[in-house]
PDB file of N, CA and C in Angstrom:
ATOM      1  N   MET A   1      49.772  24.931 -80.910  1.00  0.00           N
ATOM      2  CA  MET A   1      49.223  23.631 -81.508  1.00  0.00           C
ATOM      3  C   MET A   1      48.440  23.665 -82.299  1.00  0.00           C
ATOM      4  N   LYS A   2      47.847  24.959 -83.266  1.00  0.00           N
ATOM      5  CA  LYS A   2      47.220  24.242 -84.275  1.00  0.00           C
ATOM      6  C   LYS A   2      48.066  24.957 -85.890  1.00  0.00           C
ATOM      7  N   SER A   3      47.520  24.513 -86.171  1.00  0.00           N
ATOM      8  CA  SER A   3      48.325  24.893 -87.798  1.00  0.00           C
ATOM      9  C   SER A   3      47.703  26.028 -88.409  1.00  0.00           C
ATOM     10  N   LYS A   4      47.631  26.745 -88.716  1.00  0.00           N
ATOM     11  CA  LYS A   4      46.708  27.588 -89.593  1.00  0.00           C
ATOM     12  C   LYS A   4      47.375  27.441 -91.249  1.00  0.00           C
ATOM     13  N   THR A   5      48.091  26.561 -91.138  1.00  0.00           N
ATOM     14  CA  THR A   5      48.917  26.396 -93.072  1.00  0.00           C
ATOM     15  C   THR A   5      47.968  25.315 -93.693  1.00  0.00           C
ATOM     16  N   HIS A   6      47.015  24.469 -92.556  1.00  0.00           N
ATOM     17  CA  HIS A   6      46.285  22.972 -93.771  1.00  0.00           C
ATOM     18  C   HIS A   6      45.700  23.550 -93.515  1.00  0.00           C
ATOM     19  N   SER A   7      45.056  22.584 -94.228  1.00  0.00           N
ATOM     20  CA  SER A   7      43.451  22.334 -93.855  1.00  0.00           C
ATOM     21  C   SER A   7      42.957  21.496 -93.191  1.00  0.00           C
ATOM     22  N   PRO A   8      42.018  21.500 -92.227  1.00  0.00           N
ATOM     23  CA  PRO A   8      41.736  20.526 -91.834  1.00  0.00           C
ATOM     24  C   PRO A   8      41.309  18.708 -92.215  1.00  0.00           C
ATOM     25  N   LYS A   9      41.748  18.169 -91.217  1.00  0.00           N
ATOM     26  CA  LYS A   9      41.010  16.489 -91.626  1.00  0.00           C
ATOM     27  C   LYS A   9      40.448  15.958 -91.279  1.00  0.00           C
ATOM     28  N   ARG A  10      39.477  15.312 -91.423  1.00  0.00           N
ATOM     29  CA  ARG A  10      38.482  14.318 -91.324  1.00  0.00           C
ATOM     30  C   ARG A  10      39.149  13.816 -90.098  1.00  0.00           C
ATOM     31  N   VAL A  11      38.575  12.995 -89.106  1.00  0.00           N
ATOM     32  CA  VAL A  11      38.713  12.211 -87.926  1.00  0.00           C
ATOM     33  C   VAL A  11      37.265  11.696 -87.332  1.00  0.00           C
ATOM     34  N   GLU A  12      37.634  10.385 -87.565  1.00  0.00           N
ATOM     35  CA  GLU A  12      36.660   9.820 -86.233  1.00  0.00           C
ATOM     36  C   GLU A  12      37.580   9.681 -84.965  1.00  0.00           C
ATOM     37  N   ARG A  13      37.304  10.107 -84.064  1.00  0.00           N
ATOM     38  CA  ARG A  13      37.397  10.349 -82.625  1.00  0.00           C
ATOM     39  C   ARG A  13      36.856   9.116 -81.920  1.00  0.00           C
ATOM     40  N   VAL A  14      37.348   8.015 -80.769  1.00  0.00           N
ATOM     41  CA  VAL A  14      36.758   7.540 -79.761  1.00  0.00           C
ATOM     42  C   VAL A  14      36.836   8.053 -78.055  1.00  0.00           C
ATOM     43  N   GLN A  15      36.118   7.474 -77.790  1.00  0.00           N
ATOM     44  CA  GLN A  15      36.420   7.577 -76.375  1.00  0.00           C
ATOM     45  C   GLN A  15      37.711   6.811 -75.568  1.00  0.00           C
ATOM     46  N   VAL A  16      37.899   7.152 -74.698  1.00  0.00           N
ATOM     47  CA  VAL A  16      39.544   6.147 -74.584  1.00  0.00           C
ATOM     48  C   VAL A  16      38.971   6.332 -72.766  1.00  0.00           C
ATOM     49  N   GLY A  17      38.807   5.489 -72.307  1.00  0.00           N
ATOM     50  CA  GLY A  17      38.933   4.859 -70.570  1.00  0.00           C
ATOM     51  C   GLY A  17      40.595   5.192 -70.334  1.00  0.00           C
ATOM     52  N   ALA A  18      41.007   6.176 -69.831  1.00  0.00           N
ATOM     53  CA  ALA A  18      42.375   6.476 -69.003  1.00  0.00           C
ATOM     54  C   ALA A  18      42.804   6.878 -68.023  1.00  0.00           C
ATOM     55  N   ARG A  19      43.557   6.316 -67.203  1.00  0.00           N
ATOM     56  CA  ARG A  19      43.870   6.963 -65.787  1.00  0.00           C
ATOM     57  C   ARG A  19      45.134   7.764 -65.932  1.00  0.00           C
ATOM     58  N   MET A  20      45.036   8.841 -65.195  1.00  0.00           N
ATOM     59  CA  MET A  20      46.079   9.283 -65.090  1.00  0.00           C
ATOM     60  C   MET A  20      46.799  10.076 -63.702  1.00  0.00           C
ATOM     61  N   GLU A  21      48.007  10.421 -63.470  1.00  0.00           N
ATOM     62  CA  GLU A  21      47.978  10.719 -62.309  1.00  0.00           C
ATOM     63  C   GLU A  21      46.988  12.715 -61.931  1.00  0.00           C
ATOM     64  N   LYS A  22      46.666  12.932 -60.637  1.00  0.00           N
ATOM     65  CA  LYS A  22      45.675  14.077 -61.063  1.00  0.00           C
ATOM     66  C   LYS A  22      46.060  14.592 -61.028  1.00  0.00           C
ATOM     67  N   SER A  23      47.404  15.322 -60.119  1.00  0.00           N
ATOM     68  CA  SER A  23      48.298  16.782 -60.289  1.00  0.00           C
ATOM     69  C   SER A  23      48.653  17.076 -61.885  1.00  0.00           C
ATOM     70  N   LEU A  24      48.709  15.754 -62.325  1.00  0.00           N
ATOM     71  CA  LEU A  24      49.460  16.260 -64.186  1.00  0.00           C
ATOM     72  C   LEU A  24      47.910  16.234 -64.875  1.00  0.00           C
ATOM     73  N   VAL A  25      47.203  16.042 -64.838  1.00  0.00           N
ATOM     74  CA  VAL A  25      45.256  15.641 -65.385  1.00  0.00           C
ATOM     75  C   VAL A  25      45.067  17.502 -65.240  1.00  0.00           C
ATOM     76  N   LYS A  26      45.441  17.878 -63.766  1.00  0.00           N
ATOM     77  CA  LYS A  26      45.317  19.363 -63.624  1.00  0.00           C
ATOM     78  C   LYS A  26      46.243  20.298 -64.148  1.00  0.00           C
ATOM     79  N   VAL A  27      47.418  19.918 -64.437  1.00  0.00           N
ATOM     80  CA  VAL A  27      48.182  20.556 -65.051  1.00  0.00           C
ATOM     81  C   VAL A  27      47.334  20.791 -66.714  1.00  0.00           C
ATOM     82  N   LEU A  28      47.558  19.581 -66.506  1.00  0.00           N
ATOM     83  CA  LEU A  28      47.193  19.609 -68.712  1.00  0.00           C
ATOM     84  C   LEU A  28      46.236  20.097 -68.799  1.00  0.00           C
ATOM     85  N   ARG A  29      44.911  19.780 -67.656  1.00  0.00           N
ATOM     86  CA  ARG A  29      43.198  21.424 -68.339  1.00  0.00           C
ATOM     87  C   ARG A  29      43.433  22.445 -68.014  1.00  0.00           C
ATOM     88  N   GLY A  30      44.723  22.883 -66.704  1.00  0.00           N
ATOM     89  CA  GLY A  30      45.093  24.244 -67.373  1.00  0.00           C
ATOM     90  C   GLY A  30      45.762  24.372 -68.720  1.00  0.00           C
ATOM     91  N   LEU A  31      46.147  23.879 -68.564  1.00  0.00           N
ATOM     92  CA  LEU A  31      47.357  24.329 -70.333  1.00  0.00           C
ATOM     93  C   LEU A  31      46.048  24.926 -71.370  1.00  0.00           C
ATOM     94  N   ALA A  32      45.139  23.103 -71.087  1.00  0.00           N
ATOM     95  CA  ALA A  32      44.651  22.691 -72.672  1.00  0.00           C
ATOM     96  C   ALA A  32      43.391  24.487 -72.197  1.00  0.00           C
ATOM     97  N   ASP A  33      43.179  24.827 -71.057  1.00  0.00           N
ATOM     98  CA  ASP A  33      41.905  26.090 -71.092  1.00  0.00           C
ATOM     99  C   ASP A  33      43.058  27.237 -71.111  1.00  0.00           C
ATOM    100  N   TYR A  34      43.870  27.511 -71.041  1.00  0.00           N
ATOM    101  CA  TYR A  34      44.998  28.340 -71.296  1.00  0.00           C
ATOM    102  C   TYR A  34      45.210  29.299 -72.522  1.00  0.00           C
ATOM    103  N   LEU A  35      45.667  27.623 -73.538  1.00  0.00           N
ATOM    104  CA  LEU A  35      45.568  27.594 -74.845  1.00  0.00           C
ATOM    105  C   LEU A  35      44.295  27.417 -75.771  1.00  0.00           C
ATOM    106  N   ASP A  36      43.431  27.160 -74.791  1.00  0.00           N
ATOM    107  CA  ASP A  36      42.024  27.248 -75.578  1.00  0.00           C
ATOM    108  C   ASP A  36      42.222  26.288 -76.758  1.00  0.00           C
ATOM    109  N   LEU A  37      42.013  24.957 -76.027  1.00  0.00           N
ATOM    110  CA  LEU A  37      41.837  23.931 -76.212  1.00  0.00           C
ATOM    111  C   LEU A  37      41.206  22.989 -75.516  1.00  0.00           C
ATOM    112  N   SER A  38      40.316  21.627 -75.875  1.00  0.00           N
ATOM    113  CA  SER A  38      39.709  21.085 -75.138  1.00  0.00           C
ATOM    114  C   SER A  38      41.099  20.447 -74.776  1.00  0.00           C
ATOM    115  N   LEU A  39      41.166  19.519 -73.923  1.00  0.00           N
ATOM    116  CA  LEU A  39      41.752  18.635 -73.364  1.00  0.00           C
ATOM    117  C   LEU A  39      42.022  17.629 -74.409  1.00  0.00           C
ATOM    118  N   GLY A  40      41.067  16.754 -74.252  1.00  0.00           N
ATOM    119  CA  GLY A  40      41.442  16.247 -75.779  1.00  0.00           C
ATOM    120  C   GLY A  40      42.043  16.476 -77.212  1.00  0.00           C
ATOM    121  N   ASP A  41      41.728  17.856 -77.252  1.00  0.00           N
ATOM    122  CA  ASP A  41      43.097  18.266 -78.971  1.00  0.00           C
ATOM    123  C   ASP A  41      44.556  18.776 -78.287  1.00  0.00           C
ATOM    124  N   LEU A  42      44.440  19.323 -76.738  1.00  0.00           N
ATOM    125  CA  LEU A  42      45.739  18.775 -76.193  1.00  0.00           C
ATOM    126  C   LEU A  42      46.503  17.909 -76.214  1.00  0.00           C
ATOM    127  N   LEU A  43      45.767  16.772 -76.212  1.00  0.00           N
ATOM    128  CA  LEU A  43      46.319  15.127 -75.933  1.00  0.00           C
ATOM    129  C   LEU A  43      46.669  15.022 -77.112  1.00  0.00           C
ATOM    130  N   GLU A  44      46.111  15.151 -77.821  1.00  0.00           N
ATOM    131  CA  GLU A  44      46.014  14.437 -79.172  1.00  0.00           C
ATOM    132  C   GLU A  44      47.560  15.215 -79.847  1.00  0.00           C
ATOM    133  N   GLY A  45      47.872  16.450 -80.099  1.00  0.00           N
ATOM    134  CA  GLY A  45      49.214  17.452 -80.437  1.00  0.00           C
ATOM    135  C   GLY A  45      50.241  17.142 -79.903  1.00  0.00           C
ATOM    136  N   ILE A  46      50.060  16.522 -78.101  1.00  0.00           N
ATOM    137  CA  ILE A  46      51.105  16.452 -77.710  1.00  0.00           C
ATOM    138  C   ILE A  46      51.907  14.784 -78.299  1.00  0.00           C
ATOM    139  N   THR A  47      50.491  14.137 -77.734  1.00  0.00           N
ATOM    140  CA  THR A  47      50.290  12.580 -79.222  1.00  0.00           C
ATOM    141  C   THR A  47      51.509  13.011 -79.636  1.00  0.00           C
ATOM    142  N   LEU A  48      50.982  13.762 -80.708  1.00  0.00           N
ATOM    143  CA  LEU A  48      51.452  13.438 -82.183  1.00  0.00           C
ATOM    144  C   LEU A  48      52.674  13.766 -82.382  1.00  0.00           C
ATOM    145  N   HIS A  49      53.173  15.025 -82.142  1.00  0.00           N
ATOM    146  CA  HIS A  49      54.232  15.359 -81.559  1.00  0.00           C
ATOM    147  C   HIS A  49      55.326  14.332 -81.016  1.00  0.00           C
ATOM    148  N   ALA A  50      55.053  14.026 -79.773  1.00  0.00           N
ATOM    149  CA  ALA A  50      55.691  13.026 -79.397  1.00  0.00           C
ATOM    150  C   ALA A  50      55.768  11.620 -80.914  1.00  0.00           C
ATOM    151  N   LEU A  51      55.135  11.493 -81.021  1.00  0.00           N
ATOM    152  CA  LEU A  51      55.175  10.081 -82.095  1.00  0.00           C
ATOM    153  C   LEU A  51      56.128  10.634 -83.490  1.00  0.00           C
ATOM    154  N   GLU A  52      56.413  11.755 -83.929  1.00  0.00           N
ATOM    155  CA  GLU A  52      57.271  12.134 -84.733  1.00  0.00           C
ATOM    156  C   GLU A  52      58.555  13.255 -84.199  1.00  0.00           C
ATOM    157  N   GLY A  53      58.745  12.289 -82.745  1.00  0.00           N
ATOM    158  CA  GLY A  53      60.142  13.231 -81.747  1.00  0.00           C
ATOM    159  C   GLY A  53      60.216  14.559 -81.662  1.00  0.00           C
ATOM    160  N   LYS A  54      59.275  15.039 -82.316  1.00  0.00           N
ATOM    161  CA  LYS A  54      58.912  16.738 -81.897  1.00  0.00           C
ATOM    162  C   LYS A  54      58.650  17.068 -80.510  1.00  0.00           C
ATOM    163  N   ALA A  55      59.341  17.955 -79.882  1.00  0.00           N
ATOM    164  CA  ALA A  55      58.367  18.608 -79.187  1.00  0.00           C
ATOM    165  C   ALA A  55      57.381  19.564 -79.483  1.00  0.00           C
ATOM    166  N   PRO A  56      56.909  19.353 -78.094  1.00  0.00           N
ATOM    167  CA  PRO A  56      54.924  20.120 -78.666  1.00  0.00           C
ATOM    168  C   PRO A  56      55.003  21.509 -78.227  1.00  0.00           C
ATOM    169  N   PHE A  57      55.701  22.143 -77.527  1.00  0.00           N
ATOM    170  CA  PHE A  57      55.679  23.563 -76.704  1.00  0.00           C
ATOM    171  C   PHE A  57      56.669  24.278 -77.255  1.00  0.00           C
ATOM    172  N   SER A  58      56.034  25.253 -76.762  1.00  0.00           N
ATOM    173  CA  SER A  58      57.266  26.448 -77.162  1.00  0.00           C
ATOM    174  C   SER A  58      57.988  27.186 -76.115  1.00  0.00           C
ATOM    175  N   ALA A  59      59.075  27.603 -75.790  1.00  0.00           N
ATOM    176  CA  ALA A  59      60.001  28.309 -74.104  1.00  0.00           C
ATOM    177  C   ALA A  59      58.918  28.648 -74.033  1.00  0.00           C
ATOM    178  N   GLU A  60      58.461  29.732 -74.609  1.00  0.00           N
ATOM    179  CA  GLU A  60      56.925  30.349 -73.401  1.00  0.00           C
ATOM    180  C   GLU A  60      55.584  29.699 -72.986  1.00  0.00           C
ATOM    181  N   THR A  61      54.809  28.610 -73.771  1.00  0.00           N
ATOM    182  CA  THR A  61      54.130  27.685 -73.622  1.00  0.00           C
ATOM    183  C   THR A  61      54.523  27.058 -72.408  1.00  0.00           C
ATOM    184  N   LEU A  62      55.956  26.807 -72.063  1.00  0.00           N
ATOM    185  CA  LEU A  62      57.207  25.771 -71.029  1.00  0.00           C
ATOM    186  C   LEU A  62      56.499  26.926 -69.975  1.00  0.00           C
ATOM    187  N   GLY A  63      56.929  27.904 -69.811  1.00  0.00           N
ATOM    188  CA  GLY A  63      57.355  28.673 -68.972  1.00  0.00           C
ATOM    189  C   GLY A  63      55.656  28.743 -68.086  1.00  0.00           C
ATOM    190  N   HIS A  64      55.025  28.481 -69.097  1.00  0.00           N
ATOM    191  CA  HIS A  64      53.316  28.171 -68.247  1.00  0.00           C
ATOM    192  C   HIS A  64      53.152  27.156 -67.693  1.00  0.00           C
ATOM    193  N   ILE A  65      53.720  25.958 -68.491  1.00  0.00           N
ATOM    194  CA  ILE A  65      53.460  24.763 -68.013  1.00  0.00           C
ATOM    195  C   ILE A  65      54.500  24.971 -66.611  1.00  0.00           C
ATOM    196  N   LYS A  66      55.474  25.400 -66.160  1.00  0.00           N
ATOM    197  CA  LYS A  66      56.213  24.916 -65.328  1.00  0.00           C
ATOM    198  C   LYS A  66      55.400  25.824 -63.876  1.00  0.00           C
ATOM    199  N   ARG A  67      54.512  26.827 -64.590  1.00  0.00           N
ATOM    200  CA  ARG A  67      53.392  27.910 -63.445  1.00  0.00           C
ATOM    201  C   ARG A  67      52.674  26.723 -63.307  1.00  0.00           C
ATOM    202  N   PHE A  68      51.914  26.382 -63.864  1.00  0.00           N
ATOM    203  CA  PHE A  68      50.348  25.183 -63.560  1.00  0.00           C
ATOM    204  C   PHE A  68      51.666  24.500 -62.564  1.00  0.00           C
ATOM    205  N   LYS A  69      52.804  23.488 -63.241  1.00  0.00           N
ATOM    206  CA  LYS A  69      53.198  22.458 -61.840  1.00  0.00           C
ATOM    207  C   LYS A  69      53.277  22.769 -60.900  1.00  0.00           C
ATOM    208  N   THR A  70      54.008  24.673 -60.624  1.00  0.00           N
ATOM    209  CA  THR A  70      54.003  25.087 -59.106  1.00  0.00           C
ATOM    210  C   THR A  70      51.991  24.815 -58.220  1.00  0.00           C
ATOM    211  N   VAL A  71      51.154  25.361 -59.691  1.00  0.00           N
ATOM    212  CA  VAL A  71      50.149  25.790 -58.936  1.00  0.00           C
ATOM    213  C   VAL A  71      49.567  24.324 -57.905  1.00  0.00           C
ATOM    214  N   HIS A  72      49.863  23.089 -59.259  1.00  0.00           N
ATOM    215  CA  HIS A  72      48.707  22.308 -58.754  1.00  0.00           C
ATOM    216  C   HIS A  72      49.533  21.331 -57.906  1.00  0.00           C
ATOM    217  N   GLY A  73      51.267  21.426 -57.504  1.00  0.00           N
ATOM    218  CA  GLY A  73      51.930  20.351 -57.195  1.00  0.00           C
ATOM    219  C   GLY A  73      52.428  18.782 -57.639  1.00  0.00           C
ATOM    220  N   LEU A  74      52.700  19.175 -58.536  1.00  0.00           N
ATOM    221  CA  LEU A  74      53.238  18.289 -59.953  1.00  0.00           C
ATOM    222  C   LEU A  74      54.486  18.183 -59.495  1.00  0.00           C
ATOM    223  N   THR A  75      55.082  17.255 -59.205  1.00  0.00           N
ATOM    224  CA  THR A  75      56.562  17.023 -59.015  1.00  0.00           C
ATOM    225  C   THR A  75      57.046  15.701 -59.928  1.00  0.00           C
ATOM    226  N   LEU A  76      56.534  15.324 -60.514  1.00  0.00           N
ATOM    227  CA  LEU A  76      56.755  13.795 -61.426  1.00  0.00           C
ATOM    228  C   LEU A  76      57.582  14.434 -62.335  1.00  0.00           C
ATOM    229  N   THR A  77      58.428  13.561 -62.917  1.00  0.00           N
ATOM    230  CA  THR A  77      59.024  14.094 -64.041  1.00  0.00           C
ATOM    231  C   THR A  77      58.991  12.914 -65.130  1.00  0.00           C
ATOM    232  N   ALA A  78      59.419  13.081 -66.362  1.00  0.00           N
ATOM    233  CA  ALA A  78      59.665  12.022 -67.622  1.00  0.00           C
ATOM    234  C   ALA A  78      60.675  10.648 -66.892  1.00  0.00           C
ATOM    235  N   ARG A  79      61.344  11.070 -66.006  1.00  0.00           N
ATOM    236  CA  ARG A  79      62.017   9.571 -65.807  1.00  0.00           C
ATOM    237  C   ARG A  79      60.996   9.212 -64.813  1.00  0.00           C
ATOM    238  N   ASP A  80      60.139   9.721 -63.881  1.00  0.00           N
ATOM    239  CA  ASP A  80      58.978   9.106 -62.663  1.00  0.00           C
ATOM    240  C   ASP A  80      57.909   7.667 -63.453  1.00  0.00           C
ATOM    241  N   SER A  81      58.041   8.229 -65.229  1.00  0.00           N
ATOM    242  CA  SER A  81      57.433   7.077 -66.572  1.00  0.00           C
ATOM    243  C   SER A  81      57.523   6.624 -66.233  1.00  0.00           C
ATOM    244  N   HIS A  82      56.329   5.355 -65.819  1.00  0.00           N
ATOM    245  CA  HIS A  82      56.679   3.258 -65.646  1.00  0.00           C
ATOM    246  C   HIS A  82      57.013   2.830 -64.705  1.00  0.00           C
ATOM    247  N   GLN A  83      56.984   4.294 -63.754  1.00  0.00           N
ATOM    248  CA  GLN A  83      56.962   3.899 -62.243  1.00  0.00           C
ATOM    249  C   GLN A  83      56.445   3.887 -61.409  1.00  0.00           C
ATOM    250  N   LEU A  84      54.930   4.418 -61.766  1.00  0.00           N
ATOM    251  CA  LEU A  84      54.298   4.702 -60.531  1.00  0.00           C
ATOM    252  C   LEU A  84      53.010   4.033 -60.448  1.00  0.00           C
ATOM    253  N   VAL A  85      52.870   4.127 -59.199  1.00  0.00           N
ATOM    254  CA  VAL A  85      51.732   2.957 -58.761  1.00  0.00           C
ATOM    255  C   VAL A  85      51.070   3.991 -57.717  1.00  0.00           C
ATOM    256  N   GLU A  86      49.601   3.248 -58.608  1.00  0.00           N
ATOM    257  CA  GLU A  86      48.710   3.562 -57.268  1.00  0.00           C
ATOM    258  C   GLU A  86      48.770   3.782 -55.927  1.00  0.00           C
ATOM    259  N   GLU A  87      48.593   4.941 -55.184  1.00  0.00           N
ATOM    260  CA  GLU A  87      48.401   4.226 -53.630  1.00  0.00           C
ATOM    261  C   GLU A  87      47.521   3.368 -53.234  1.00  0.00           C
ATOM    262  N   ARG A  88      46.649   2.759 -53.664  1.00  0.00           N
ATOM    263  CA  ARG A  88      45.491   1.670 -53.427  1.00  0.00           C
ATOM    264  C   ARG A  88      46.336   0.268 -53.293  1.00  0.00           C
ATOM    265  N   ASP A  89      47.086   0.561 -54.697  1.00  0.00           N
ATOM    266  CA  ASP A  89      48.204  -0.386 -55.038  1.00  0.00           C
ATOM    267  C   ASP A  89      49.314  -1.092 -54.120  1.00  0.00           C
ATOM    268  N   ALA A  90      49.683   0.489 -54.223  1.00  0.00           N
ATOM    269  CA  ALA A  90      50.833   0.380 -53.355  1.00  0.00           C
ATOM    270  C   ALA A  90      50.873  -0.046 -51.725  1.00  0.00           C
ATOM    271  N   ARG A  91      49.904   0.023 -51.137  1.00  0.00           N
ATOM    272  CA  ARG A  91      49.554  -0.201 -49.698  1.00  0.00           C
ATOM    273  C   ARG A  91      49.292  -2.088 -49.824  1.00  0.00           C
ATOM    274  N   SER A  92      49.183  -2.609 -50.490  1.00  0.00           N
ATOM    275  CA  SER A  92      48.365  -3.914 -50.355  1.00  0.00           C
ATOM    276  C   SER A  92      49.757  -4.978 -50.558  1.00  0.00           C
TER     277      SER A  92
END
């Protein structure tokens, strides 16, 4: 995810209040730790790649993601996107 061929760009970061599915967050934290990135840096990289229609991960990294998903019980897929309802909302 980190590019060694470009000079650093100065940015202004803001805190975001975002809620995400628990096991997905565990996978992302594990991946960020594995890649020696902060969670914010990982999310920025994923988002910037997605906004350009580019895949953010190599085949090797996808293998690690598959392991993290198994370890943390993540069964959600992209197909589930925009279909998720929080448990407390679903009970209503």
